[in-house]
Amino acid sequence: MTSPAALAAGLRACAQGLCCAQAAAELLIAQSWLDRADFTSQFITLYPGPGGGPAAVVIDWAAVTGALDAGLPCSGGERRMLQLTASLAGGIPVDLCDTITGLDDRNIALLLAAIRRASGNPHQQQHNQVPFSSQEPDCDEDGEPEITVSAGTAAHVAEVLALIGELITAEPPVFAAISRFLDAKGADQLPATEWLIGSISDLASQLGGTLEGEGISVDPILPWFRHPDRTR
C-alpha cells in the first residue's frame, strides 16, 4: 500500500504548473482521504514517475463524485469539501449554495487558500481579492507594464512553446498549415509565418533563460504522460 506521504508527493508532482490542479491537490492533501484505504484503492491509479521520481497519482474524480452520491461514508463537511476539491480538479459542477453552507472555520480557511492558489496568486492577502491601485503599474525599461506569474506557470508555458516549436520543425505539413491559417486571417503568409514561428522559439528561450538565471528548476510535465513501454 502506498503511503499518504508518497501519494501527496505524486499529486503535487502531477499538478506542477497547473494552478487549479495544484489547488485541488493541496486541498485533498489537507483532508483525510489519502489515509483512507476505501478512497485510495477505488479512485487512485499510480503510474511510474520519470527517472525514479515520485509515482504519478491520477484520481478518477467522476467516480469519486458518483460514490459520494451513492453514499460513500463521510461526514457532511467531508462530503462538501471533497465535492469542492473534485470541482477544482476535474471541472465537475458543484452547487456552491449546498457545499459552502455550514463549513467550519478550518475548512473555510482551506477553501480560501485553494481559491487563491487556483487564481495563480497563492500569497494574495484575503482583503486584496480584487486588485486595485491608484498608482501607476510597475514598468520595465521599455515602458511596458510588468506582471508576475508563478515559476511553475512560466515553466509550463516554456515547455508547451518548446514542444510546439519542435513539432513545427519535425513536421513540415504543420508549417504549411500555419501559413494557410495566417493567409486566411488576411496576413502576408511568409513574414507572418516567420514571425509566429520565431516568436514561439524566442519566447520559450526567454522564459527558460529567465528561470535558469534565477536558479529555478521546475520538473517538466511531458514525462508524466510518457508511454510506459518507451524509454524516449
Protein backbone atom coordinates (compact mmCIF):
# COMPACT_ATOMS: atom_id res chain seq x y z
CA MET A 1 0.00 0.00 0.00
CA THR A 2 1.36 3.41 -0.97
CA SER A 3 1.79 5.76 1.98
CA PRO A 4 -0.20 9.02 2.22
CA ALA A 5 3.08 10.97 2.02
CA ALA A 6 4.03 9.24 -1.25
CA LEU A 7 0.56 9.89 -2.65
CA ALA A 8 0.82 13.55 -1.68
CA ALA A 9 4.20 13.83 -3.42
CA GLY A 10 2.76 12.27 -6.56
CA LEU A 11 -0.24 14.58 -6.55
CA ARG A 12 2.00 17.63 -6.21
CA ALA A 13 4.31 16.44 -8.98
CA CYS A 14 1.42 15.83 -11.40
CA ALA A 15 -0.14 19.21 -10.61
CA GLN A 16 3.05 21.23 -11.04
CA GLY A 17 2.48 24.34 -13.15
CA LEU A 18 -1.32 23.95 -13.23
CA CYS A 19 -3.00 26.35 -10.83
CA CYS A 20 -6.35 24.59 -10.37
CA ALA A 21 -4.71 21.18 -10.19
CA GLN A 22 -2.28 22.46 -7.56
CA ALA A 23 -5.14 23.98 -5.58
CA ALA A 24 -7.09 20.71 -5.71
CA ALA A 25 -4.02 18.66 -4.74
CA GLU A 26 -3.29 20.77 -1.67
CA LEU A 27 -6.96 20.79 -0.69
CA LEU A 28 -7.14 16.99 -0.88
CA ILE A 29 -3.84 16.53 0.99
CA ALA A 30 -5.13 18.75 3.80
CA GLN A 31 -8.10 16.42 4.29
CA SER A 32 -8.05 12.81 5.50
CA TRP A 33 -8.87 10.99 2.26
CA LEU A 34 -5.32 9.85 1.46
CA ASP A 35 -5.34 7.94 4.77
CA ARG A 36 -8.46 6.02 3.81
CA ALA A 37 -7.99 2.70 2.01
CA ASP A 38 -11.58 2.79 0.72
CA PHE A 39 -10.67 6.01 -1.15
CA THR A 40 -7.14 5.26 -2.35
CA SER A 41 -7.94 1.72 -3.52
CA GLN A 42 -11.03 2.71 -5.50
CA PHE A 43 -10.21 6.05 -7.08
CA ILE A 44 -6.42 6.41 -7.35
CA THR A 45 -4.24 4.98 -10.12
CA LEU A 46 -0.44 5.11 -9.88
CA TYR A 47 1.93 5.43 -12.85
CA PRO A 48 5.74 5.16 -12.68
CA GLY A 49 7.42 8.52 -12.22
CA PRO A 50 10.18 9.65 -14.60
CA GLY A 51 13.75 8.95 -13.56
CA GLY A 52 12.74 7.08 -10.44
CA GLY A 53 10.85 10.11 -9.11
CA PRO A 54 7.55 10.00 -7.24
CA ALA A 55 4.78 7.98 -8.87
CA ALA A 56 2.21 9.94 -10.87
CA VAL A 57 -1.08 9.94 -8.98
CA VAL A 58 -4.25 10.14 -11.08
CA ILE A 59 -7.66 10.38 -9.42
CA ASP A 60 -10.93 9.42 -11.12
CA TRP A 61 -12.94 12.41 -9.95
CA ALA A 62 -16.09 11.40 -11.80
CA ALA A 63 -16.04 8.11 -9.90
CA VAL A 64 -15.42 9.98 -6.64
CA THR A 65 -18.48 12.20 -7.05
CA GLY A 66 -20.54 9.21 -8.13
CA ALA A 67 -19.52 7.37 -4.98
CA LEU A 68 -20.45 10.39 -2.87
CA ASP A 69 -23.90 10.42 -4.44
CA ALA A 70 -24.15 6.69 -3.78
CA GLY A 71 -23.38 7.13 -0.08
CA LEU A 72 -19.60 6.95 0.37
CA PRO A 73 -19.19 7.03 4.19
CA CYS A 74 -18.15 10.51 5.37
CA SER A 75 -19.38 13.46 7.38
CA GLY A 76 -21.30 16.33 5.82
CA GLY A 77 -18.24 18.56 5.93
CA GLU A 78 -16.02 15.90 4.38
CA ARG A 79 -18.55 15.36 1.61
CA ARG A 80 -18.80 19.06 0.78
CA MET A 81 -15.04 19.59 0.81
CA LEU A 82 -14.48 16.58 -1.45
CA GLN A 83 -17.10 17.89 -3.88
CA LEU A 84 -15.31 21.26 -3.98
CA THR A 85 -11.97 19.51 -4.50
CA ALA A 86 -13.40 17.46 -7.37
CA SER A 87 -14.73 20.62 -8.99
CA LEU A 88 -11.30 22.27 -8.87
CA ALA A 89 -9.50 19.15 -10.09
CA GLY A 90 -11.90 17.84 -12.70
CA GLY A 91 -14.18 20.72 -13.60
CA ILE A 92 -17.15 18.86 -12.13
CA PRO A 93 -20.07 21.26 -11.46
CA VAL A 94 -20.86 21.87 -7.81
CA ASP A 95 -23.71 23.64 -6.04
CA LEU A 96 -21.97 26.35 -4.01
CA CYS A 97 -25.13 27.06 -2.02
CA ASP A 98 -25.11 23.46 -0.81
CA THR A 99 -21.35 22.92 -0.42
CA ILE A 100 -20.25 26.16 1.25
CA THR A 101 -23.09 26.49 3.76
CA GLY A 102 -22.10 25.03 7.12
CA LEU A 103 -18.35 24.71 6.58
CA ASP A 104 -16.30 25.12 9.77
CA ASP A 105 -13.51 27.67 10.20
CA ARG A 106 -10.73 25.25 9.24
CA ASN A 107 -12.41 24.20 6.01
CA ILE A 108 -13.24 27.80 5.13
CA ALA A 109 -9.55 28.71 5.56
CA LEU A 110 -8.51 25.73 3.40
CA LEU A 111 -11.03 26.68 0.71
CA LEU A 112 -9.92 30.32 0.64
CA ALA A 113 -6.29 29.22 0.31
CA ALA A 114 -7.30 26.91 -2.55
CA ILE A 115 -9.14 29.72 -4.33
CA ARG A 116 -6.10 31.98 -4.06
CA ARG A 117 -3.84 29.19 -5.32
CA ALA A 118 -6.20 28.44 -8.23
CA SER A 119 -6.19 32.13 -9.17
CA GLY A 120 -2.41 31.94 -9.67
CA ASN A 121 -1.63 34.16 -6.68
CA PRO A 122 -1.37 31.94 -3.58
CA HIS A 123 0.19 34.70 -1.48
CA GLN A 124 -2.51 37.28 -2.20
CA GLN A 125 -3.99 38.60 1.02
CA GLN A 126 -7.62 37.88 1.72
CA HIS A 127 -8.59 41.55 1.73
CA ASN A 128 -6.99 42.04 -1.69
CA GLN A 129 -9.19 39.62 -3.60
CA VAL A 130 -9.95 42.32 -6.19
CA PRO A 131 -6.67 44.04 -7.11
CA PHE A 132 -6.90 47.85 -7.18
CA SER A 133 -4.32 50.59 -7.05
CA SER A 134 -4.39 54.33 -7.64
CA GLN A 135 -0.72 54.24 -8.58
CA GLU A 136 0.81 53.60 -11.98
CA PRO A 137 1.80 49.94 -12.52
CA ASP A 138 5.47 48.99 -12.41
CA CYS A 139 7.06 49.12 -15.85
CA ASP A 140 10.16 47.59 -17.39
CA GLU A 141 12.91 49.55 -19.12
CA ASP A 142 10.85 49.71 -22.32
CA GLY A 143 7.90 51.25 -20.51
CA GLU A 144 5.79 48.08 -20.65
CA PRO A 145 3.74 47.18 -17.53
CA GLU A 146 5.18 44.20 -15.64
CA ILE A 147 3.13 41.32 -14.28
CA THR A 148 4.03 38.41 -12.03
CA VAL A 149 3.36 34.72 -12.66
CA SER A 150 4.50 31.67 -10.72
CA ALA A 151 7.67 29.84 -11.73
CA GLY A 152 5.60 26.72 -12.37
CA THR A 153 3.33 28.57 -14.79
CA ALA A 154 6.30 30.13 -16.61
CA ALA A 155 7.97 26.74 -16.93
CA HIS A 156 4.73 25.18 -18.16
CA VAL A 157 4.36 27.84 -20.87
CA ALA A 158 8.02 27.49 -21.87
CA GLU A 159 7.66 23.71 -22.17
CA VAL A 160 4.50 23.97 -24.29
CA LEU A 161 6.07 26.57 -26.60
CA ALA A 162 9.24 24.49 -26.98
CA LEU A 163 7.20 21.41 -27.88
CA ILE A 164 5.22 23.37 -30.46
CA GLY A 165 8.48 24.62 -31.95
CA GLU A 166 9.82 21.05 -32.16
CA LEU A 167 6.58 19.91 -33.78
CA ILE A 168 6.82 22.59 -36.47
CA THR A 169 10.44 21.65 -37.20
CA ALA A 170 9.75 17.91 -37.27
CA GLU A 171 6.56 18.04 -39.34
CA PRO A 172 6.76 20.26 -42.47
CA PRO A 173 2.99 19.97 -43.09
CA VAL A 174 2.46 21.87 -39.84
CA PHE A 175 4.46 24.81 -41.24
CA ALA A 176 2.30 24.77 -44.35
CA ALA A 177 -0.89 24.58 -42.29
CA ILE A 178 0.21 27.59 -40.24
CA SER A 179 0.90 29.55 -43.43
CA ARG A 180 -2.55 28.74 -44.79
CA PHE A 181 -4.15 29.66 -41.49
CA LEU A 182 -2.42 33.06 -41.36
CA ASP A 183 -3.27 33.69 -45.01
CA ALA A 184 -6.93 33.08 -44.17
CA LYS A 185 -6.53 35.66 -41.39
CA GLY A 186 -5.51 38.21 -44.05
CA ALA A 187 -1.79 38.22 -43.20
CA ASP A 188 1.10 38.15 -45.67
CA GLN A 189 1.96 34.46 -45.46
CA LEU A 190 5.75 34.32 -45.39
CA PRO A 191 6.62 37.16 -42.99
CA ALA A 192 3.67 36.37 -40.71
CA THR A 193 4.64 32.68 -40.53
CA GLU A 194 8.27 33.52 -39.84
CA TRP A 195 7.18 35.94 -37.13
CA LEU A 196 4.90 33.42 -35.42
CA ILE A 197 7.35 30.53 -35.51
CA GLY A 198 10.25 32.76 -34.46
CA SER A 199 8.19 34.16 -31.60
CA ILE A 200 7.38 30.66 -30.33
CA SER A 201 11.07 29.80 -30.20
CA ASP A 202 12.12 33.17 -28.75
CA LEU A 203 9.50 33.18 -26.01
CA ALA A 204 10.35 29.62 -24.97
CA SER A 205 14.03 30.57 -24.79
CA GLN A 206 13.34 33.77 -22.86
CA LEU A 207 11.17 32.06 -20.27
CA GLY A 208 13.61 29.17 -19.88
CA GLY A 209 16.55 31.56 -19.66
CA THR A 210 14.83 33.69 -17.03
CA LEU A 211 14.11 30.67 -14.85
CA GLU A 212 17.66 29.39 -15.27
CA GLY A 213 19.07 32.82 -14.47
CA GLU A 214 17.10 32.89 -11.23
CA GLY A 215 18.36 29.42 -10.35
CA ILE A 216 14.83 27.97 -10.54
CA SER A 217 14.40 24.37 -11.66
CA VAL A 218 10.92 23.02 -12.42
CA ASP A 219 10.28 19.43 -13.49
CA PRO A 220 8.78 19.15 -17.00
CA ILE A 221 5.19 17.95 -17.40
CA LEU A 222 5.51 15.78 -20.54
CA PRO A 223 7.36 12.85 -18.86
CA TRP A 224 4.26 12.15 -16.78
CA PHE A 225 2.42 11.20 -19.97
CA ARG A 226 5.19 9.05 -21.44
CA HIS A 227 4.17 5.61 -22.62
CA PRO A 228 5.49 3.05 -20.10
CA ASP A 229 6.91 0.87 -22.90
CA ARG A 230 9.03 3.66 -24.31
CA THR A 231 12.34 4.89 -22.97
CA ARG A 232 12.48 8.04 -25.09
